[in-house]
C-alpha atoms as a PDB file:
ATOM      1  CA  UNK A   1      59.168  57.222  66.108  1.00  0.00           C
ATOM      2  CA  UNK A   2      58.142  54.388  63.822  1.00  0.00           C
ATOM      3  CA  UNK A   3      57.027  51.116  65.386  1.00  0.00           C
ATOM      4  CA  UNK A   4      57.093  47.987  63.240  1.00  0.00           C
ATOM      5  CA  UNK A   5      54.972  44.980  64.198  1.00  0.00           C
ATOM      6  CA  UNK A   6      55.644  41.537  62.729  1.00  0.00           C
ATOM      7  CA  UNK A   7      53.282  38.660  63.595  1.00  0.00           C
ATOM      8  CA  UNK A   8      54.919  35.237  63.317  1.00  0.00           C
ATOM      9  CA  UNK A   9      52.607  32.254  63.707  1.00  0.00           C
ATOM     10  CA  UNK A  10      55.429  29.793  64.210  1.00  0.00           C
ATOM     11  CA  UNK A  11      57.625  27.344  62.386  1.00  0.00           C
ATOM     12  CA  UNK A  12      54.821  24.848  61.784  1.00  0.00           C
ATOM     13  CA  UNK A  13      52.766  27.338  59.808  1.00  0.00           C
ATOM     14  CA  UNK A  14      52.950  27.578  56.031  1.00  0.00           C
ATOM     15  CA  UNK A  15      51.010  24.352  55.503  1.00  0.00           C
ATOM     16  CA  UNK A  16      50.812  25.037  51.745  1.00  0.00           C
ATOM     17  CA  UNK A  17      54.616  24.904  51.604  1.00  0.00           C
ATOM     18  CA  UNK A  18      54.912  21.213  50.771  1.00  0.00           C
ATOM     19  CA  UNK A  19      58.288  20.333  52.233  1.00  0.00           C
ATOM     20  CA  UNK A  20      59.391  18.373  55.283  1.00  0.00           C
ATOM     21  CA  UNK A  21      58.780  19.744  58.759  1.00  0.00           C
ATOM     22  CA  UNK A  22      62.519  20.380  59.095  1.00  0.00           C
ATOM     23  CA  UNK A  23      62.620  22.380  55.869  1.00  0.00           C
ATOM     24  CA  UNK A  24      59.477  24.322  56.741  1.00  0.00           C
ATOM     25  CA  UNK A  25      60.957  25.278  60.098  1.00  0.00           C
ATOM     26  CA  UNK A  26      64.264  26.361  58.570  1.00  0.00           C
ATOM     27  CA  UNK A  27      62.633  28.396  55.806  1.00  0.00           C
ATOM     28  CA  UNK A  28      60.119  30.068  58.125  1.00  0.00           C
ATOM     29  CA  UNK A  29      62.850  31.184  60.517  1.00  0.00           C
ATOM     30  CA  UNK A  30      65.103  32.333  57.680  1.00  0.00           C
ATOM     31  CA  UNK A  31      62.344  34.425  56.114  1.00  0.00           C
ATOM     32  CA  UNK A  32      61.557  35.931  59.511  1.00  0.00           C
ATOM     33  CA  UNK A  33      65.217  36.839  59.945  1.00  0.00           C
ATOM     34  CA  UNK A  34      65.374  38.571  56.569  1.00  0.00           C
ATOM     35  CA  UNK A  35      62.170  40.499  57.247  1.00  0.00           C
ATOM     36  CA  UNK A  36      63.405  41.616  60.661  1.00  0.00           C
ATOM     37  CA  UNK A  37      66.747  42.768  59.275  1.00  0.00           C
ATOM     38  CA  UNK A  38      64.803  45.267  57.167  1.00  0.00           C
ATOM     39  CA  UNK A  39      62.364  46.222  59.914  1.00  0.00           C
ATOM     40  CA  UNK A  40      64.863  47.037  62.657  1.00  0.00           C
ATOM     41  CA  UNK A  41      66.607  49.418  60.258  1.00  0.00           C
ATOM     42  CA  UNK A  42      63.545  51.678  60.131  1.00  0.00           C
ATOM     43  CA  UNK A  43      62.099  51.570  63.626  1.00  0.00           C
ATOM     44  CA  UNK A  44      61.443  49.874  66.926  1.00  0.00           C
ATOM     45  CA  UNK A  45      60.308  46.373  66.015  1.00  0.00           C
ATOM     46  CA  UNK A  46      58.017  44.048  67.958  1.00  0.00           C
ATOM     47  CA  UNK A  47      57.397  40.412  67.044  1.00  0.00           C
ATOM     48  CA  UNK A  48      54.246  38.698  68.275  1.00  0.00           C
ATOM     49  CA  UNK A  49      54.797  34.951  68.318  1.00  0.00           C
ATOM     50  CA  UNK A  50      54.008  31.805  70.301  1.00  0.00           C
ATOM     51  CA  UNK A  51      57.137  30.142  68.936  1.00  0.00           C
ATOM     52  CA  UNK A  52      60.339  29.982  71.043  1.00  0.00           C
ATOM     53  CA  UNK A  53      62.588  29.693  67.992  1.00  0.00           C
ATOM     54  CA  UNK A  54      60.873  32.658  66.361  1.00  0.00           C
ATOM     55  CA  UNK A  55      61.302  34.659  69.550  1.00  0.00           C
ATOM     56  CA  UNK A  56      65.014  33.820  69.575  1.00  0.00           C
ATOM     57  CA  UNK A  57      65.405  34.999  65.965  1.00  0.00           C
ATOM     58  CA  UNK A  58      63.615  38.209  66.925  1.00  0.00           C
ATOM     59  CA  UNK A  59      65.900  38.884  69.876  1.00  0.00           C
ATOM     60  CA  UNK A  60      69.004  38.187  67.801  1.00  0.00           C
ATOM     61  CA  UNK A  61      67.768  40.710  65.233  1.00  0.00           C
ATOM     62  CA  UNK A  62      67.315  43.377  67.898  1.00  0.00           C
ATOM     63  CA  UNK A  63      63.525  43.174  68.051  1.00  0.00           C
ATOM     64  CA  UNK A  64      61.270  42.951  71.082  1.00  0.00           C
ATOM     65  CA  UNK A  65      59.011  39.942  71.564  1.00  0.00           C
ATOM     66  CA  UNK A  66      55.374  39.855  72.597  1.00  0.00           C
ATOM     67  CA  UNK A  67      53.427  36.750  73.552  1.00  0.00           C
ATOM     68  CA  UNK A  68      50.891  35.779  70.900  1.00  0.00           C
ATOM     69  CA  UNK A  69      47.579  35.346  72.758  1.00  0.00           C
ATOM     70  CA  UNK A  70      46.144  32.998  70.145  1.00  0.00           C
ATOM     71  CA  UNK A  71      43.155  33.812  68.008  1.00  0.00           C
ATOM     72  CA  UNK A  72      44.902  34.454  64.724  1.00  0.00           C
ATOM     73  CA  UNK A  73      46.988  37.109  63.042  1.00  0.00           C
ATOM     74  CA  UNK A  74      44.758  40.016  64.031  1.00  0.00           C
ATOM     75  CA  UNK A  75      44.906  39.140  67.719  1.00  0.00           C
ATOM     76  CA  UNK A  76      48.690  38.826  67.518  1.00  0.00           C
ATOM     77  CA  UNK A  77      49.000  42.286  65.977  1.00  0.00           C
ATOM     78  CA  UNK A  78      46.673  43.780  68.578  1.00  0.00           C
ATOM     79  CA  UNK A  79      48.813  42.317  71.357  1.00  0.00           C
ATOM     80  CA  UNK A  80      51.945  43.850  69.841  1.00  0.00           C
ATOM     81  CA  UNK A  81      50.237  47.239  69.485  1.00  0.00           C
ATOM     82  CA  UNK A  82      49.542  47.557  73.201  1.00  0.00           C
ATOM     83  CA  UNK A  83      51.468  50.425  74.786  1.00  0.00           C
ATOM     84  CA  UNK A  84      53.319  51.422  71.622  1.00  0.00           C
ATOM     85  CA  UNK A  85      54.994  54.805  71.400  1.00  0.00           C
ATOM     86  CA  UNK A  86      53.235  57.601  69.494  1.00  0.00           C
ATOM     87  CA  UNK A  87      54.205  57.726  65.846  1.00  0.00           C
ATOM     88  CA  UNK A  88      53.836  55.841  62.607  1.00  0.00           C
ATOM     89  CA  UNK A  89      53.038  52.141  62.753  1.00  0.00           C
ATOM     90  CA  UNK A  90      53.980  49.523  60.195  1.00  0.00           C
ATOM     91  CA  UNK A  91      52.548  46.011  60.296  1.00  0.00           C
ATOM     92  CA  UNK A  92      54.534  43.623  58.121  1.00  0.00           C
ATOM     93  CA  UNK A  93      54.009  39.936  57.423  1.00  0.00           C
ATOM     94  CA  UNK A  94      56.877  37.551  58.149  1.00  0.00           C
ATOM     95  CA  UNK A  95      56.853  35.827  54.753  1.00  0.00           C
ATOM     96  CA  UNK A  96      58.179  38.559  52.447  1.00  0.00           C
ATOM     97  CA  UNK A  97      61.864  37.549  52.286  1.00  0.00           C
ATOM     98  CA  UNK A  98      62.852  40.004  49.535  1.00  0.00           C
ATOM     99  CA  UNK A  99      62.154  42.981  51.802  1.00  0.00           C
ATOM    100  CA  UNK A 100      64.810  45.690  52.256  1.00  0.00           C
ATOM    101  CA  UNK A 101      64.678  48.822  54.439  1.00  0.00           C
ATOM    102  CA  UNK A 102      64.155  51.215  51.531  1.00  0.00           C
ATOM    103  CA  UNK A 103      60.916  49.422  50.661  1.00  0.00           C
ATOM    104  CA  UNK A 104      59.544  50.169  54.112  1.00  0.00           C
ATOM    105  CA  UNK A 105      60.684  53.770  53.809  1.00  0.00           C
ATOM    106  CA  UNK A 106      58.860  53.967  50.467  1.00  0.00           C
ATOM    107  CA  UNK A 107      55.671  52.754  52.125  1.00  0.00           C
ATOM    108  CA  UNK A 108      56.035  55.349  54.873  1.00  0.00           C
ATOM    109  CA  UNK A 109      56.634  58.115  52.343  1.00  0.00           C
ATOM    110  CA  UNK A 110      53.648  57.134  50.193  1.00  0.00           C
ATOM    111  CA  UNK A 111      51.133  57.263  53.031  1.00  0.00           C
ATOM    112  CA  UNK A 112      48.701  60.209  53.071  1.00  0.00           C
ATOM    113  CA  UNK A 113      49.185  62.549  56.033  1.00  0.00           C
ATOM    114  CA  UNK A 114      47.321  61.021  58.960  1.00  0.00           C
ATOM    115  CA  UNK A 115      46.066  58.239  56.720  1.00  0.00           C
ATOM    116  CA  UNK A 116      46.507  54.564  55.984  1.00  0.00           C
ATOM    117  CA  UNK A 117      48.532  52.788  53.316  1.00  0.00           C
ATOM    118  CA  UNK A 118      48.616  49.114  52.537  1.00  0.00           C
ATOM    119  CA  UNK A 119      50.381  46.694  50.261  1.00  0.00           C
ATOM    120  CA  UNK A 120      48.178  44.030  48.753  1.00  0.00           C
ATOM    121  CA  UNK A 121      49.268  40.513  47.956  1.00  0.00           C
ATOM    122  CA  UNK A 122      48.339  39.152  44.549  1.00  0.00           C
ATOM    123  CA  UNK A 123      45.333  37.357  46.064  1.00  0.00           C
ATOM    124  CA  UNK A 124      43.808  40.480  47.640  1.00  0.00           C
ATOM    125  CA  UNK A 125      45.039  39.817  51.153  1.00  0.00           C
ATOM    126  CA  UNK A 126      47.248  42.289  53.003  1.00  0.00           C
ATOM    127  CA  UNK A 127      51.007  41.935  53.443  1.00  0.00           C
ATOM    128  CA  UNK A 128      51.767  45.326  55.009  1.00  0.00           C
ATOM    129  CA  UNK A 129      49.919  48.196  56.646  1.00  0.00           C
ATOM    130  CA  UNK A 130      50.982  51.696  57.563  1.00  0.00           C
ATOM    131  CA  UNK A 131      48.746  53.184  60.252  1.00  0.00           C
ATOM    132  CA  UNK A 132      48.719  56.600  61.927  1.00  0.00           C
ATOM    133  CA  UNK A 133      48.080  55.044  65.357  1.00  0.00           C
ATOM    134  CA  UNK A 134      47.257  51.768  67.057  1.00  0.00           C
ATOM    135  CA  UNK A 135      43.625  52.873  67.301  1.00  0.00           C
ATOM    136  CA  UNK A 136      43.345  52.694  63.502  1.00  0.00           C
ATOM    137  CA  UNK A 137      43.929  48.919  63.475  1.00  0.00           C
ATOM    138  CA  UNK A 138      41.184  46.324  63.285  1.00  0.00           C
ATOM    139  CA  UNK A 139      41.669  42.535  63.014  1.00  0.00           C
ATOM    140  CA  UNK A 140      40.452  42.147  59.437  1.00  0.00           C
ATOM    141  CA  UNK A 141      42.921  39.655  57.979  1.00  0.00           C
ATOM    142  CA  UNK A 142      41.746  36.928  55.638  1.00  0.00           C
ATOM    143  CA  UNK A 143      40.219  36.829  52.158  1.00  0.00           C
ATOM    144  CA  UNK A 144      39.761  40.285  50.608  1.00  0.00           C
ATOM    145  CA  UNK A 145      41.328  41.895  53.673  1.00  0.00           C
ATOM    146  CA  UNK A 146      42.810  44.756  51.658  1.00  0.00           C
ATOM    147  CA  UNK A 147      39.336  45.964  50.683  1.00  0.00           C
ATOM    148  CA  UNK A 148      38.096  45.555  54.253  1.00  0.00           C
ATOM    149  CA  UNK A 149      41.023  47.512  55.708  1.00  0.00           C
ATOM    150  CA  UNK A 150      40.205  50.347  53.314  1.00  0.00           C
ATOM    151  CA  UNK A 151      36.538  50.263  54.302  1.00  0.00           C
ATOM    152  CA  UNK A 152      37.511  50.379  57.974  1.00  0.00           C
ATOM    153  CA  UNK A 153      39.760  53.382  57.374  1.00  0.00           C
ATOM    154  CA  UNK A 154      36.925  55.159  55.564  1.00  0.00           C
ATOM    155  CA  UNK A 155      34.611  54.577  58.531  1.00  0.00           C
ATOM    156  CA  UNK A 156      37.244  56.254  60.714  1.00  0.00           C
ATOM    157  CA  UNK A 157      37.425  59.185  58.300  1.00  0.00           C
ATOM    158  CA  UNK A 158      40.948  58.276  57.178  1.00  0.00           C
ATOM    159  CA  UNK A 159      42.224  58.322  53.627  1.00  0.00           C
ATOM    160  CA  UNK A 160      43.515  54.897  52.597  1.00  0.00           C
ATOM    161  CA  UNK A 161      45.626  54.038  49.573  1.00  0.00           C
ATOM    162  CA  UNK A 162      47.196  50.941  48.084  1.00  0.00           C
ATOM    163  CA  UNK A 163      50.916  51.265  47.444  1.00  0.00           C
ATOM    164  CA  UNK A 164      52.871  49.173  44.952  1.00  0.00           C
ATOM    165  CA  UNK A 165      55.959  47.816  46.701  1.00  0.00           C
ATOM    166  CA  UNK A 166      56.945  44.621  44.865  1.00  0.00           C
ATOM    167  CA  UNK A 167      58.992  43.056  47.658  1.00  0.00           C
ATOM    168  CA  UNK A 168      56.070  43.461  50.055  1.00  0.00           C
ATOM    169  CA  UNK A 169      53.505  42.185  47.567  1.00  0.00           C
ATOM    170  CA  UNK A 170      55.478  39.005  46.889  1.00  0.00           C
ATOM    171  CA  UNK A 171      54.907  36.674  49.805  1.00  0.00           C
ATOM    172  CA  UNK A 172      55.811  33.007  50.062  1.00  0.00           C
ATOM    173  CA  UNK A 173      53.014  30.491  50.487  1.00  0.00           C
ATOM    174  CA  UNK A 174      54.104  27.686  48.159  1.00  0.00           C
ATOM    175  CA  UNK A 175      57.209  26.096  46.713  1.00  0.00           C
ATOM    176  CA  UNK A 176      56.487  27.804  43.406  1.00  0.00           C
ATOM    177  CA  UNK A 177      56.634  31.158  45.214  1.00  0.00           C
ATOM    178  CA  UNK A 178      60.020  30.270  46.679  1.00  0.00           C
ATOM    179  CA  UNK A 179      61.428  29.130  43.359  1.00  0.00           C
ATOM    180  CA  UNK A 180      60.221  32.305  41.667  1.00  0.00           C
ATOM    181  CA  UNK A 181      61.724  34.596  44.292  1.00  0.00           C
ATOM    182  CA  UNK A 182      64.811  32.720  45.454  1.00  0.00           C
ATOM    183  CA  UNK A 183      67.358  34.790  43.530  1.00  0.00           C
ATOM    184  CA  UNK A 184      65.991  37.975  45.142  1.00  0.00           C
ATOM    185  CA  UNK A 185      65.479  36.663  48.667  1.00  0.00           C
ATOM    186  CA  UNK A 186      67.505  37.948  51.573  1.00  0.00           C
ATOM    187  CA  UNK A 187      70.708  36.178  52.616  1.00  0.00           C
ATOM    188  CA  UNK A 188      69.155  34.040  55.346  1.00  0.00           C
ATOM    189  CA  UNK A 189      66.492  32.640  53.063  1.00  0.00           C
ATOM    190  CA  UNK A 190      69.029  32.030  50.306  1.00  0.00           C
ATOM    191  CA  UNK A 191      71.251  30.161  52.760  1.00  0.00           C
ATOM    192  CA  UNK A 192      68.323  28.031  53.930  1.00  0.00           C
ATOM    193  CA  UNK A 193      67.439  27.223  50.326  1.00  0.00           C
ATOM    194  CA  UNK A 194      71.044  26.235  49.623  1.00  0.00           C
ATOM    195  CA  UNK A 195      70.852  23.760  52.506  1.00  0.00           C
ATOM    196  CA  UNK A 196      67.666  22.204  51.083  1.00  0.00           C
ATOM    197  CA  UNK A 197      68.418  21.797  47.364  1.00  0.00           C
ATOM    198  CA  UNK A 198      66.543  18.528  46.876  1.00  0.00           C
ATOM    199  CA  UNK A 199      63.370  19.729  48.589  1.00  0.00           C
ATOM    200  CA  UNK A 200      63.050  22.940  46.605  1.00  0.00           C
ATOM    201  CA  UNK A 201      64.287  21.719  43.226  1.00  0.00           C
ATOM    202  CA  UNK A 202      61.679  22.016  40.431  1.00  0.00           C
END
């Protein structure tokens, strides 16, 4: 059985998204909802978050919630990986609003047997991981994390590959990202953008 883990830092994250607090909250929750709609279609999904609104979105999507212990994205993922069922593991960021289930299935299919696959963001960070087990995870997020995840896999004797999945590579950190992707975003993100036309207008 596939387990999908989605860390969600909360609605006050995305500090590079220069909009009002209200807009940032609405967009963060909408993107989370679109990501979870794809995730729950491929496996049991767990969301690690300290945010009550994020937890509510997760429950409405059919996902489980796990308390984020603090300490960053890696610690959140580790908390969600406790006591997971045997089987494939996907770790997916919450800010890839163009994601659809077939993209996750493509990542699963492209992973070497017993190995690791990852999708890199344009800046060399990591937007998605496919792991053979929870034991293969290490909290290595941050600059150049894709290279460090590969190095960690090699130390474990696991083959690791980068997989090109455009919807997973295209995350949203800035208003320019949103404007570039808005016609391909999921329905929740598109609806949130429609409610905030003045804040996201070029």
